[in-house]
Amino acid sequence: MIAAAGFKEWFTHRTGHNIGAELHGNGANLDNLETHDERLILPKTCFSVEPGLYFPGEFGVRSEIDMITLPGKAEVTGRIQTELVRI
């Protein structure tokens, strides 16, 4: 979807990651963008989905939701971001 919209060049950050007790966990990642990962995302695992675009020297934008895998499905664990937050 990002590539089809013409933004592939600025999509340089991992799509999401495992969440552990210290935020970034040591479990499977969602893609191979930064490092190759063949591990499966296991049931009862928390993970983030955070696609972002980064324009060098200008700004970046990312949306994040946190999820948990359950047998046969994945559920959002917190509120879904609906507004832009400047950092």
C-alpha atoms as a PDB file:
ATOM      1  CA  MET A   1       0.000   0.000   0.000  1.00  0.00           C
ATOM      2  CA  ILE A   2       2.825   2.400   0.876  1.00  0.00           C
ATOM      3  CA  ALA A   3       4.734   1.564  -2.327  1.00  0.00           C
ATOM      4  CA  ALA A   4       1.579   1.847  -4.435  1.00  0.00           C
ATOM      5  CA  ALA A   5       1.033   5.357  -3.015  1.00  0.00           C
ATOM      6  CA  GLY A   6       4.555   6.339  -4.162  1.00  0.00           C
ATOM      7  CA  PHE A   7       6.226   6.414  -0.731  1.00  0.00           C
ATOM      8  CA  LYS A   8       8.433   3.258  -0.881  1.00  0.00           C
ATOM      9  CA  GLU A   9      11.674   5.308  -0.818  1.00  0.00           C
ATOM     10  CA  TRP A  10      10.763   6.764   2.593  1.00  0.00           C
ATOM     11  CA  PHE A  11       9.570   3.511   4.178  1.00  0.00           C
ATOM     12  CA  THR A  12      12.806   2.665   6.020  1.00  0.00           C
ATOM     13  CA  HIS A  13      11.662   1.435   9.458  1.00  0.00           C
ATOM     14  CA  ARG A  14      10.531  -2.010  10.552  1.00  0.00           C
ATOM     15  CA  THR A  15       6.742  -2.482  10.374  1.00  0.00           C
ATOM     16  CA  GLY A  16       6.527  -3.722  13.949  1.00  0.00           C
ATOM     17  CA  HIS A  17       8.223  -5.727  16.671  1.00  0.00           C
ATOM     18  CA  ASN A  18       7.654  -8.064  19.572  1.00  0.00           C
ATOM     19  CA  ILE A  19       6.801  -6.393  22.886  1.00  0.00           C
ATOM     20  CA  GLY A  20       8.306  -7.745  26.094  1.00  0.00           C
ATOM     21  CA  ALA A  21       8.520  -6.563  29.704  1.00  0.00           C
ATOM     22  CA  GLU A  22      10.974  -3.822  28.657  1.00  0.00           C
ATOM     23  CA  LEU A  23       8.978  -2.715  25.529  1.00  0.00           C
ATOM     24  CA  HIS A  24      11.093  -4.190  22.705  1.00  0.00           C
ATOM     25  CA  GLY A  25      11.012  -7.945  23.239  1.00  0.00           C
ATOM     26  CA  ASN A  26      13.309 -10.614  21.873  1.00  0.00           C
ATOM     27  CA  GLY A  27      10.577 -12.409  19.923  1.00  0.00           C
ATOM     28  CA  ALA A  28       9.839 -12.469  16.211  1.00  0.00           C
ATOM     29  CA  ASN A  29       9.628  -9.276  14.192  1.00  0.00           C
ATOM     30  CA  LEU A  30       6.877  -8.566  11.664  1.00  0.00           C
ATOM     31  CA  ASP A  31       9.060  -8.200   8.572  1.00  0.00           C
ATOM     32  CA  ASN A  32      12.566  -8.521   7.150  1.00  0.00           C
ATOM     33  CA  LEU A  33      13.088  -4.801   6.527  1.00  0.00           C
ATOM     34  CA  GLU A  34      16.037  -4.301   8.888  1.00  0.00           C
ATOM     35  CA  THR A  35      17.084  -7.881   9.735  1.00  0.00           C
ATOM     36  CA  HIS A  36      16.098 -11.307   8.377  1.00  0.00           C
ATOM     37  CA  ASP A  37      13.752 -13.098  10.782  1.00  0.00           C
ATOM     38  CA  GLU A  38      12.142 -16.482  10.063  1.00  0.00           C
ATOM     39  CA  ARG A  39      10.636 -17.028  13.530  1.00  0.00           C
ATOM     40  CA  LEU A  40       6.866 -17.313  13.902  1.00  0.00           C
ATOM     41  CA  ILE A  41       4.769 -14.951  15.988  1.00  0.00           C
ATOM     42  CA  LEU A  42       3.451 -17.289  18.672  1.00  0.00           C
ATOM     43  CA  PRO A  43       0.017 -17.263  20.371  1.00  0.00           C
ATOM     44  CA  LYS A  44      -0.191 -15.028  23.476  1.00  0.00           C
ATOM     45  CA  THR A  45       2.595 -12.792  22.111  1.00  0.00           C
ATOM     46  CA  CYS A  46       2.315  -8.997  22.228  1.00  0.00           C
ATOM     47  CA  PHE A  47       3.593  -7.023  19.245  1.00  0.00           C
ATOM     48  CA  SER A  48       3.379  -3.588  17.680  1.00  0.00           C
ATOM     49  CA  VAL A  49       2.217  -2.622  14.202  1.00  0.00           C
ATOM     50  CA  GLU A  50       3.888   0.695  13.406  1.00  0.00           C
ATOM     51  CA  PRO A  51       4.382   1.565   9.750  1.00  0.00           C
ATOM     52  CA  GLY A  52       6.181   4.873   9.259  1.00  0.00           C
ATOM     53  CA  LEU A  53       7.563   7.186   6.617  1.00  0.00           C
ATOM     54  CA  TYR A  54      10.784   9.122   7.225  1.00  0.00           C
ATOM     55  CA  PHE A  55      11.745  12.048   5.007  1.00  0.00           C
ATOM     56  CA  PRO A  56      15.474  12.862   5.610  1.00  0.00           C
ATOM     57  CA  GLY A  57      16.052  16.386   6.875  1.00  0.00           C
ATOM     58  CA  GLU A  58      12.311  17.070   7.024  1.00  0.00           C
ATOM     59  CA  PHE A  59      10.125  14.936   9.282  1.00  0.00           C
ATOM     60  CA  GLY A  60       8.790  11.451   9.891  1.00  0.00           C
ATOM     61  CA  VAL A  61       5.345  10.092  10.614  1.00  0.00           C
ATOM     62  CA  ARG A  62       4.400   6.792  12.199  1.00  0.00           C
ATOM     63  CA  SER A  63       1.192   5.234  13.467  1.00  0.00           C
ATOM     64  CA  GLU A  64       1.347   2.509  16.112  1.00  0.00           C
ATOM     65  CA  ILE A  65      -1.099   0.024  17.537  1.00  0.00           C
ATOM     66  CA  ASP A  66      -0.238  -2.757  19.987  1.00  0.00           C
ATOM     67  CA  MET A  67      -1.724  -6.205  19.622  1.00  0.00           C
ATOM     68  CA  ILE A  68      -1.730  -9.683  21.124  1.00  0.00           C
ATOM     69  CA  THR A  69      -1.964 -12.955  19.230  1.00  0.00           C
ATOM     70  CA  LEU A  70      -4.524 -15.458  20.395  1.00  0.00           C
ATOM     71  CA  PRO A  71      -5.237 -18.850  18.843  1.00  0.00           C
ATOM     72  CA  GLY A  72      -6.558 -18.117  15.346  1.00  0.00           C
ATOM     73  CA  LYS A  73      -6.678 -14.310  15.662  1.00  0.00           C
ATOM     74  CA  ALA A  74      -4.964 -11.117  16.771  1.00  0.00           C
ATOM     75  CA  GLU A  75      -6.589  -8.405  18.907  1.00  0.00           C
ATOM     76  CA  VAL A  76      -5.753  -4.742  19.506  1.00  0.00           C
ATOM     77  CA  THR A  77      -4.769  -4.338  23.175  1.00  0.00           C
ATOM     78  CA  GLY A  78      -5.096  -0.599  23.623  1.00  0.00           C
ATOM     79  CA  ARG A  79      -6.712   2.434  22.113  1.00  0.00           C
ATOM     80  CA  ILE A  80      -6.320   2.994  18.383  1.00  0.00           C
ATOM     81  CA  GLN A  81      -4.578   6.259  17.500  1.00  0.00           C
ATOM     82  CA  THR A  82      -6.981   8.624  15.775  1.00  0.00           C
ATOM     83  CA  GLU A  83      -5.083  11.913  15.916  1.00  0.00           C
ATOM     84  CA  LEU A  84      -1.635  13.246  15.052  1.00  0.00           C
ATOM     85  CA  VAL A  85       0.720  13.700  18.023  1.00  0.00           C
ATOM     86  CA  ARG A  86       3.777  15.917  17.414  1.00  0.00           C
ATOM     87  CA  ILE A  87       6.942  14.765  19.172  1.00  0.00           C
END
